[in-house]
Amino acid sequence: MEAKAFVRDAAEFFVAAHAIDSAMVDEPQFQILSPYAAYYLACHSMELAMKAVLVEAGWTEQQLRQNVGHRLTDALQHAKANGLCLTLAPQHVHLLELLDAAYKRFRYPGNAVGNLPVWGPLTEVVIKVMKSAIAAVPNSEEAIRPQALDKMTGFVDWHV
């Protein structure tokens, strides 16, 4: 496993999530919340970005499966303990807690997803996680497809 590949894929999932949200924003039901697919991709993006830091720290696939799985809050805790320099406001930590429950249910259609955060604050968190993972994994930015990197760095919140 290569940490840079995790960052590369995290970027692709984030760009895809943003594309879904952008494509659906004019539909009345998606003006505040985005389609589930966008949330799922954003969650997967953060999961991969945080796991990139763990892989860079020497974690094996088995360790990732056993200690993190698909739990964003566990990924955050372990990544921070292994070199992810990221400080999230309490409301952003709460957002990850909300997403943990929803992220699991996205995999099994028909289950109630529960509360989802408004899309805008979620993208702020994804950007913070992505930027921190890129900083923690040497040369990972070079692994990101140039078009994906252009899209990400073009997001308004990227430069905040």
Protein backbone atom coordinates (compact mmCIF):
# COMPACT_ATOMS: atom_id res chain seq x y z
CA MET A 1 0.00 0.00 0.00
CA GLU A 2 1.21 3.45 -0.82
CA ALA A 3 0.06 6.52 1.13
CA LYS A 4 0.21 8.72 -1.98
CA ALA A 5 -2.34 6.47 -3.70
CA PHE A 6 -4.73 7.00 -0.80
CA VAL A 7 -4.36 10.79 -1.16
CA ARG A 8 -4.81 10.54 -4.93
CA ASP A 9 -8.02 8.56 -4.55
CA ALA A 10 -9.28 10.82 -1.76
CA ALA A 11 -8.92 13.78 -4.13
CA GLU A 12 -10.84 11.97 -6.88
CA PHE A 13 -13.71 11.10 -4.53
CA PHE A 14 -13.88 14.68 -3.27
CA VAL A 15 -13.96 16.14 -6.78
CA ALA A 16 -16.70 13.64 -7.72
CA ALA A 17 -18.72 14.57 -4.61
CA HIS A 18 -18.45 18.23 -5.48
CA ALA A 19 -19.48 17.54 -9.09
CA ILE A 20 -22.63 15.73 -7.95
CA ASP A 21 -23.53 18.56 -5.61
CA SER A 22 -22.91 21.18 -8.31
CA ALA A 23 -24.97 19.26 -10.86
CA MET A 24 -27.97 18.97 -8.52
CA VAL A 25 -27.92 22.34 -6.74
CA ASP A 26 -30.72 23.84 -8.87
CA GLU A 27 -33.16 21.10 -7.90
CA PRO A 28 -35.34 22.29 -4.99
CA GLN A 29 -34.78 19.23 -2.79
CA PHE A 30 -30.99 19.68 -3.02
CA GLN A 31 -30.64 23.39 -2.20
CA ILE A 32 -29.51 22.76 1.40
CA LEU A 33 -28.68 19.08 1.51
CA SER A 34 -26.90 17.29 -1.29
CA PRO A 35 -27.79 13.88 -2.77
CA TYR A 36 -26.72 10.90 -0.68
CA ALA A 37 -24.14 9.96 -3.30
CA ALA A 38 -22.29 13.23 -2.74
CA TYR A 39 -22.22 12.68 1.03
CA TYR A 40 -20.99 9.12 0.56
CA LEU A 41 -18.18 10.23 -1.73
CA ALA A 42 -17.20 13.08 0.61
CA CYS A 43 -17.07 10.64 3.55
CA HIS A 44 -15.00 8.19 1.53
CA SER A 45 -12.66 11.01 0.56
CA MET A 46 -12.03 11.89 4.20
CA GLU A 47 -11.65 8.23 5.16
CA LEU A 48 -8.97 7.71 2.49
CA ALA A 49 -7.17 10.96 3.32
CA MET A 50 -6.91 10.08 7.00
CA LYS A 51 -5.90 6.50 6.20
CA ALA A 52 -3.14 7.90 3.97
CA VAL A 53 -1.52 9.35 7.08
CA LEU A 54 -1.76 5.99 8.82
CA VAL A 55 -0.27 4.16 5.85
CA GLU A 56 2.55 6.72 5.77
CA ALA A 57 3.12 5.91 9.47
CA GLY A 58 3.50 2.22 8.60
CA TRP A 59 0.04 0.85 9.28
CA THR A 60 -0.95 -2.34 7.46
CA GLU A 61 -4.25 -3.06 5.74
CA GLN A 62 -5.16 -5.35 8.63
CA GLN A 63 -4.53 -2.57 11.16
CA LEU A 64 -6.67 -0.19 9.13
CA ARG A 65 -9.52 -2.70 8.99
CA GLN A 66 -9.35 -3.61 12.68
CA ASN A 67 -8.74 -0.18 14.20
CA VAL A 68 -10.49 2.20 11.82
CA GLY A 69 -12.79 0.40 9.39
CA HIS A 70 -15.07 3.05 7.92
CA ARG A 71 -15.42 5.08 11.14
CA LEU A 72 -14.42 8.67 10.46
CA THR A 73 -14.02 9.62 14.11
CA ASP A 74 -11.69 6.65 14.72
CA ALA A 75 -9.75 7.53 11.57
CA LEU A 76 -9.38 11.10 12.81
CA GLN A 77 -8.21 10.02 16.26
CA HIS A 78 -5.62 7.58 14.93
CA ALA A 79 -4.43 9.88 12.13
CA LYS A 80 -3.89 12.74 14.57
CA ALA A 81 -1.89 10.41 16.81
CA ASN A 82 0.23 9.46 13.78
CA GLY A 83 1.10 12.84 12.29
CA LEU A 84 -2.07 14.49 10.97
CA CYS A 85 -1.85 18.14 12.02
CA LEU A 86 -5.50 19.11 12.08
CA THR A 87 -7.55 21.10 14.52
CA LEU A 88 -11.29 21.00 14.05
CA ALA A 89 -13.79 23.25 15.75
CA PRO A 90 -16.26 21.42 18.03
CA GLN A 91 -19.04 21.82 15.46
CA HIS A 92 -16.84 20.13 12.85
CA VAL A 93 -16.11 17.22 15.19
CA HIS A 94 -19.87 16.92 15.77
CA LEU A 95 -20.36 16.92 12.00
CA LEU A 96 -18.00 13.91 11.73
CA GLU A 97 -19.94 12.16 14.47
CA LEU A 98 -23.20 12.69 12.54
CA LEU A 99 -21.56 11.43 9.38
CA ASP A 100 -20.22 8.29 11.07
CA ALA A 101 -23.76 7.00 11.56
CA ALA A 102 -24.94 8.05 8.10
CA TYR A 103 -21.83 6.75 6.31
CA LYS A 104 -22.50 3.23 7.55
CA ARG A 105 -26.14 3.35 6.47
CA PHE A 106 -25.33 4.68 2.98
CA ARG A 107 -24.03 1.19 2.17
CA TYR A 108 -27.38 -0.47 2.85
CA PRO A 109 -30.21 1.17 0.88
CA GLY A 110 -33.54 1.33 2.64
CA ASN A 111 -32.06 2.19 6.02
CA ALA A 112 -32.91 5.60 7.40
CA VAL A 113 -29.82 7.75 7.03
CA GLY A 114 -30.70 10.10 9.88
CA ASN A 115 -29.46 13.65 10.24
CA LEU A 116 -27.10 14.95 7.61
CA PRO A 117 -25.12 18.15 7.88
CA VAL A 118 -25.63 21.04 5.50
CA TRP A 119 -23.36 20.57 2.49
CA GLY A 120 -21.34 23.81 2.84
CA PRO A 121 -19.85 23.09 6.30
CA LEU A 122 -19.12 19.53 5.22
CA THR A 123 -16.98 20.73 2.32
CA GLU A 124 -15.03 22.91 4.75
CA VAL A 125 -14.18 19.83 6.80
CA VAL A 126 -13.27 17.73 3.75
CA ILE A 127 -10.94 20.50 2.57
CA LYS A 128 -9.27 20.74 5.99
CA VAL A 129 -8.76 16.97 6.08
CA MET A 130 -7.46 16.87 2.49
CA LYS A 131 -5.01 19.74 2.99
CA SER A 132 -3.73 18.22 6.23
CA ALA A 133 -3.26 14.79 4.63
CA ILE A 134 -1.42 16.30 1.67
CA ALA A 135 0.88 18.08 4.13
CA ALA A 136 1.45 14.88 6.14
CA VAL A 137 2.25 12.59 3.21
CA PRO A 138 5.42 13.71 1.41
CA ASN A 139 5.06 14.28 -2.34
CA SER A 140 1.40 13.21 -2.26
CA GLU A 141 0.29 16.28 -4.18
CA GLU A 142 2.31 14.97 -7.16
CA ALA A 143 0.16 11.81 -7.17
CA ILE A 144 -3.07 13.76 -7.64
CA ARG A 145 -4.29 14.04 -11.21
CA PRO A 146 -3.61 17.66 -12.31
CA GLN A 147 -7.25 18.24 -13.31
CA ALA A 148 -8.45 17.03 -9.90
CA LEU A 149 -5.91 19.21 -8.12
CA ASP A 150 -7.01 22.21 -10.22
CA LYS A 151 -10.64 21.59 -9.28
CA MET A 152 -9.87 21.21 -5.58
CA THR A 153 -7.68 24.27 -5.34
CA GLY A 154 -10.35 26.18 -7.26
CA PHE A 155 -12.93 25.56 -4.53
CA VAL A 156 -13.61 28.80 -2.67
CA ASP A 157 -13.02 27.20 0.74
CA TRP A 158 -9.64 25.78 -0.31
CA HIS A 159 -7.94 29.13 0.26
CA VAL A 160 -9.52 29.94 3.64
